[in-house]
Amino acid sequence: MRYETRRQRVRIGVLIASFALFPVTIFYFSPYLSVMGAFEGVMAGSVLVFLLQFASAFVLGRAFCGWACPAGGLQEIAAMAQPKPTKSGKKLLVKYVIWIPWVSSIVAGAIISGGFSRLDFTYHTTSGMSAASVGGLITYLCIVALFFVPALFVGRRALCHCICWMAPFMVIGKRLGRLLHLPQLHVRATPEACVGCGMCDKACPMSLPVSELLEQGAIVHDECIQCGACSDTCRKGALELRLSSVARDLGLRL
């Protein structure tokens, strides 16, 4: 997939840079360390990162996924070799089956340990680096394989759809932000400007049916990562990435 606009070149560049730093940052996204720390009364750096993702999603939605996620950067690299769309369906529910017992384990650990007594952002890292030991390197390689290999066989960002343990935090935050009528980063649509070329569908890294979703006046979907690839591909100005009221844009079409 070619990203011809400056914004998309910047976005892909940031994602790839984030992936290059993954050996340093991987433990700051660790679901295991968040549970382990909770049972010790320690808020690991990963818990703080997850809370920040949840809070930011009230306004930015899943922009972290589209602009800064190291695993997202890895899958963008895989998409250069295998750009076929991912068929989601019921597979979208798998990440919630993983997320609910995992978050419950963090809460249970915190209760059993008497609550979080301290914050240790660099918990179980070596001088702040994640893959600085044999165990850390093995963990890194396993996670890389977990996100890279399925993307080659299943399709673009396959693991973002299916098992990403961070996505539910942002999906819930985005929904709550919409309920509170906060201005949110989203793609506004002007259906009458659409000529049905289908380029937006091809550009979407999350394989969403953008040409169908735009009929409602805004792209509102839990799997949208606010990357702006669809709007940057549209040559008719039917799509625009903006920070504004989603309800207002939807209301214009109701």
Protein backbone atom coordinates (compact mmCIF):
# COMPACT_ATOMS: atom_id res chain seq x y z
CA MET A 1 0.00 0.00 0.00
CA ARG A 2 1.42 3.40 -0.97
CA TYR A 3 0.88 6.41 1.26
CA GLU A 4 1.49 9.40 -0.96
CA THR A 5 0.55 12.29 1.29
CA ARG A 6 3.00 13.91 3.66
CA ARG A 7 0.80 13.11 6.64
CA GLN A 8 0.80 9.40 5.84
CA ARG A 9 4.55 9.36 5.26
CA VAL A 10 5.01 10.97 8.67
CA ARG A 11 2.57 8.53 10.28
CA ILE A 12 4.25 5.45 8.85
CA GLY A 13 7.66 6.87 9.75
CA VAL A 14 6.61 7.38 13.37
CA LEU A 15 5.15 3.87 13.56
CA ILE A 16 8.31 2.29 12.18
CA ALA A 17 10.44 4.35 14.57
CA SER A 18 8.21 3.18 17.43
CA PHE A 19 8.76 -0.42 16.36
CA ALA A 20 12.54 0.17 16.21
CA LEU A 21 12.34 1.19 19.88
CA PHE A 22 10.27 -1.88 20.79
CA PRO A 23 13.22 -3.71 22.44
CA VAL A 24 13.31 -0.82 24.90
CA THR A 25 9.58 -0.28 25.38
CA ILE A 26 8.00 -3.73 25.13
CA PHE A 27 7.71 -4.26 28.91
CA TYR A 28 5.80 -0.99 29.19
CA PHE A 29 2.99 -2.71 27.27
CA SER A 30 3.24 -6.02 29.13
CA PRO A 31 -0.02 -7.63 30.31
CA TYR A 32 1.94 -10.15 32.40
CA LEU A 33 3.97 -7.59 34.32
CA SER A 34 0.84 -5.56 35.07
CA VAL A 35 -0.69 -8.60 36.83
CA MET A 36 2.56 -9.60 38.49
CA GLY A 37 3.06 -6.10 39.86
CA ALA A 38 -0.53 -5.89 41.11
CA PHE A 39 -0.07 -8.96 43.30
CA GLU A 40 3.00 -7.25 44.79
CA GLY A 41 1.18 -3.98 45.34
CA VAL A 42 3.22 -2.33 42.58
CA MET A 43 1.73 -0.32 39.74
CA ALA A 44 4.00 -1.31 36.88
CA GLY A 45 4.73 1.08 34.05
CA SER A 46 2.43 -0.91 31.79
CA VAL A 47 -0.60 -0.19 34.01
CA LEU A 48 0.12 3.52 33.79
CA VAL A 49 0.44 3.26 30.00
CA PHE A 50 -2.90 1.43 29.76
CA LEU A 51 -4.59 4.08 31.92
CA LEU A 52 -3.14 6.83 29.72
CA GLN A 53 -4.42 5.05 26.62
CA PHE A 54 -7.88 4.83 28.17
CA ALA A 55 -7.90 8.51 29.18
CA SER A 56 -6.54 9.78 25.86
CA ALA A 57 -9.18 7.79 23.96
CA PHE A 58 -11.92 10.07 25.32
CA VAL A 59 -10.72 12.64 22.76
CA LEU A 60 -8.21 10.88 20.49
CA GLY A 61 -9.98 7.53 20.10
CA ARG A 62 -7.58 4.83 18.94
CA ALA A 63 -5.09 7.30 17.51
CA PHE A 64 -2.32 5.56 19.47
CA CYS A 65 -2.95 2.45 17.35
CA GLY A 66 -2.78 4.43 14.14
CA TRP A 67 0.12 6.73 14.95
CA ALA A 68 2.42 5.38 17.68
CA CYS A 69 1.92 1.68 18.48
CA PRO A 70 5.12 -0.36 17.96
CA ALA A 71 3.13 -3.50 17.15
CA GLY A 72 1.14 -1.41 14.67
CA GLY A 73 4.40 -0.34 13.06
CA LEU A 74 5.44 -3.97 12.77
CA GLN A 75 2.18 -4.83 11.05
CA GLU A 76 2.51 -1.88 8.68
CA ILE A 77 5.84 -3.38 7.62
CA ALA A 78 4.12 -6.75 7.12
CA ALA A 79 1.41 -5.03 5.05
CA MET A 80 4.05 -3.93 2.56
CA ALA A 81 4.58 -7.62 1.77
CA GLN A 82 0.98 -8.77 2.30
CA PRO A 83 -1.59 -5.98 1.82
CA LYS A 84 -4.73 -8.11 1.65
CA PRO A 85 -7.64 -6.99 3.85
CA THR A 86 -8.49 -8.82 7.06
CA LYS A 87 -11.92 -10.39 7.42
CA SER A 88 -12.92 -9.57 10.97
CA GLY A 89 -16.40 -10.86 11.88
CA LYS A 90 -16.68 -12.60 15.23
CA LYS A 91 -12.89 -12.59 15.59
CA LEU A 92 -13.27 -9.03 16.89
CA LEU A 93 -14.69 -10.47 20.11
CA VAL A 94 -11.60 -12.54 20.92
CA LYS A 95 -9.69 -9.58 22.34
CA TYR A 96 -12.48 -8.96 24.84
CA VAL A 97 -12.43 -12.62 25.91
CA ILE A 98 -8.75 -12.05 26.66
CA TRP A 99 -9.14 -8.56 28.14
CA ILE A 100 -11.88 -9.19 30.71
CA PRO A 101 -10.16 -11.96 32.75
CA TRP A 102 -6.82 -10.18 32.41
CA VAL A 103 -8.10 -6.85 33.80
CA SER A 104 -9.99 -8.82 36.47
CA SER A 105 -6.67 -10.39 37.47
CA ILE A 106 -5.08 -6.96 37.87
CA VAL A 107 -7.96 -5.80 40.06
CA ALA A 108 -7.88 -9.04 42.10
CA GLY A 109 -4.11 -8.73 42.58
CA ALA A 110 -4.43 -5.14 43.77
CA ILE A 111 -7.18 -6.12 46.24
CA ILE A 112 -5.23 -9.09 47.61
CA SER A 113 -2.06 -7.01 48.04
CA GLY A 114 -3.97 -4.25 49.82
CA GLY A 115 -3.90 -1.84 46.90
CA PHE A 116 -1.13 -0.25 44.90
CA SER A 117 1.42 1.01 47.41
CA ARG A 118 3.94 2.37 44.92
CA LEU A 119 4.50 3.16 41.26
CA ASP A 120 7.49 1.54 39.56
CA PHE A 121 7.49 2.69 35.95
CA THR A 122 10.61 0.65 35.08
CA TYR A 123 9.32 -2.48 36.84
CA HIS A 124 11.36 -5.58 35.85
CA THR A 125 13.42 -3.72 33.26
CA THR A 126 17.19 -3.35 33.19
CA SER A 127 18.00 0.35 33.55
CA GLY A 128 14.72 1.09 31.79
CA MET A 129 15.39 -1.30 28.88
CA SER A 130 13.08 -4.25 28.29
CA ALA A 131 15.02 -6.71 26.09
CA ALA A 132 18.28 -6.31 27.99
CA SER A 133 18.47 -9.93 29.15
CA VAL A 134 18.06 -13.36 27.59
CA GLY A 135 14.52 -13.63 28.99
CA GLY A 136 13.63 -10.16 27.77
CA LEU A 137 15.02 -10.87 24.31
CA ILE A 138 13.06 -14.13 24.04
CA THR A 139 9.88 -12.31 25.10
CA TYR A 140 10.55 -9.64 22.49
CA LEU A 141 11.08 -12.16 19.69
CA CYS A 142 7.93 -14.08 20.64
CA ILE A 143 5.79 -10.93 20.61
CA VAL A 144 7.27 -9.87 17.27
CA ALA A 145 6.44 -13.27 15.80
CA LEU A 146 2.95 -13.15 17.33
CA PHE A 147 2.11 -9.88 15.56
CA PHE A 148 4.13 -10.30 12.37
CA VAL A 149 3.42 -13.85 11.17
CA PRO A 150 -0.43 -13.72 11.28
CA ALA A 151 -0.35 -10.41 9.40
CA LEU A 152 1.45 -12.20 6.56
CA PHE A 153 -1.16 -14.95 6.31
CA VAL A 154 -4.43 -13.49 7.65
CA GLY A 155 -4.17 -9.90 6.44
CA ARG A 156 -3.47 -6.32 7.43
CA ARG A 157 -3.29 -5.69 11.19
CA ALA A 158 -4.83 -9.08 11.91
CA LEU A 159 -3.73 -9.12 15.54
CA CYS A 160 -5.02 -5.58 16.15
CA HIS A 161 -8.47 -6.95 15.37
CA CYS A 162 -8.22 -10.23 17.21
CA ILE A 163 -6.02 -10.29 20.31
CA CYS A 164 -4.64 -6.86 21.10
CA TRP A 165 -4.99 -6.46 24.86
CA MET A 166 -4.67 -2.66 24.65
CA ALA A 167 -7.44 -1.99 22.12
CA PRO A 168 -10.40 -2.48 24.54
CA PHE A 169 -9.09 0.30 26.80
CA MET A 170 -9.26 2.71 23.87
CA VAL A 171 -12.54 1.38 22.47
CA ILE A 172 -14.24 1.89 25.85
CA GLY A 173 -12.62 5.31 26.30
CA LYS A 174 -13.74 6.38 22.83
CA ARG A 175 -17.31 5.29 23.49
CA LEU A 176 -17.43 7.09 26.83
CA GLY A 177 -16.05 10.25 25.23
CA ARG A 178 -18.81 10.10 22.64
CA LEU A 179 -21.46 9.63 25.35
CA LEU A 180 -20.09 12.71 27.12
CA HIS A 181 -20.29 14.65 23.83
CA LEU A 182 -16.61 15.52 23.93
CA PRO A 183 -14.94 16.69 20.73
CA GLN A 184 -13.18 13.67 19.25
CA LEU A 185 -10.67 12.97 16.54
CA HIS A 186 -12.60 11.24 13.78
CA VAL A 187 -13.19 11.20 10.04
CA ARG A 188 -16.05 13.43 9.00
CA ALA A 189 -17.81 12.40 5.79
CA THR A 190 -19.63 14.27 3.04
CA PRO A 191 -21.52 11.46 1.28
CA GLU A 192 -22.69 13.59 -1.64
CA ALA A 193 -19.07 14.20 -2.62
CA CYS A 194 -18.32 10.46 -2.83
CA VAL A 195 -18.03 9.02 -6.34
CA GLY A 196 -17.81 5.39 -5.21
CA CYS A 197 -14.24 4.79 -6.39
CA GLY A 198 -13.47 2.53 -3.40
CA MET A 199 -9.99 3.97 -2.82
CA CYS A 200 -10.82 4.67 0.83
CA ASP A 201 -11.63 0.98 1.39
CA LYS A 202 -8.30 -0.04 -0.10
CA ALA A 203 -6.37 2.53 1.95
CA CYS A 204 -7.84 1.61 5.34
CA PRO A 205 -5.21 -0.39 7.29
CA MET A 206 -7.98 -1.89 9.42
CA SER A 207 -9.89 -3.20 6.36
CA LEU A 208 -13.07 -1.28 7.21
CA PRO A 209 -15.85 -0.73 4.62
CA VAL A 210 -15.26 3.03 4.66
CA SER A 211 -17.37 3.65 1.55
CA GLU A 212 -20.37 2.21 3.42
CA LEU A 213 -19.67 3.84 6.77
CA LEU A 214 -19.33 7.32 5.26
CA GLU A 215 -23.04 7.38 4.40
CA GLN A 216 -23.85 8.16 8.04
CA GLY A 217 -21.85 11.41 8.02
CA ALA A 218 -18.84 10.20 10.00
CA ILE A 219 -16.72 7.05 10.23
CA VAL A 220 -17.90 5.63 13.54
CA HIS A 221 -16.49 2.16 14.16
CA ASP A 222 -14.66 0.61 17.12
CA GLU A 223 -11.89 -0.62 14.83
CA CYS A 224 -11.18 2.80 13.30
CA ILE A 225 -7.71 3.93 14.42
CA GLN A 226 -7.98 7.59 13.36
CA CYS A 227 -5.04 7.24 10.97
CA GLY A 228 -6.56 9.43 8.26
CA ALA A 229 -5.44 7.11 5.44
CA CYS A 230 -8.93 7.10 3.94
CA SER A 231 -9.25 10.88 3.95
CA ASP A 232 -5.77 11.35 2.52
CA THR A 233 -6.61 8.93 -0.30
CA CYS A 234 -9.92 10.59 -1.20
CA ARG A 235 -9.45 12.95 -4.13
CA LYS A 236 -12.97 14.39 -3.90
CA GLY A 237 -12.82 15.73 -0.34
CA ALA A 238 -15.55 13.40 0.87
CA LEU A 239 -13.55 12.48 3.97
CA GLU A 240 -11.77 14.73 6.46
CA LEU A 241 -9.83 13.84 9.62
CA ARG A 242 -10.79 16.41 12.22
CA LEU A 243 -11.29 17.10 15.92
CA SER A 244 -14.94 17.96 16.45
CA SER A 245 -18.26 16.64 17.73
CA VAL A 246 -19.06 13.22 16.30
CA ALA A 247 -22.70 13.59 17.33
CA ARG A 248 -22.98 16.85 15.38
CA ASP A 249 -21.58 15.26 12.23
CA LEU A 250 -23.89 12.27 12.58
CA GLY A 251 -26.83 14.58 13.32
CA LEU A 252 -26.36 16.37 10.06
CA ARG A 253 -27.34 13.12 8.32
CA LEU A 254 -30.24 12.09 10.53
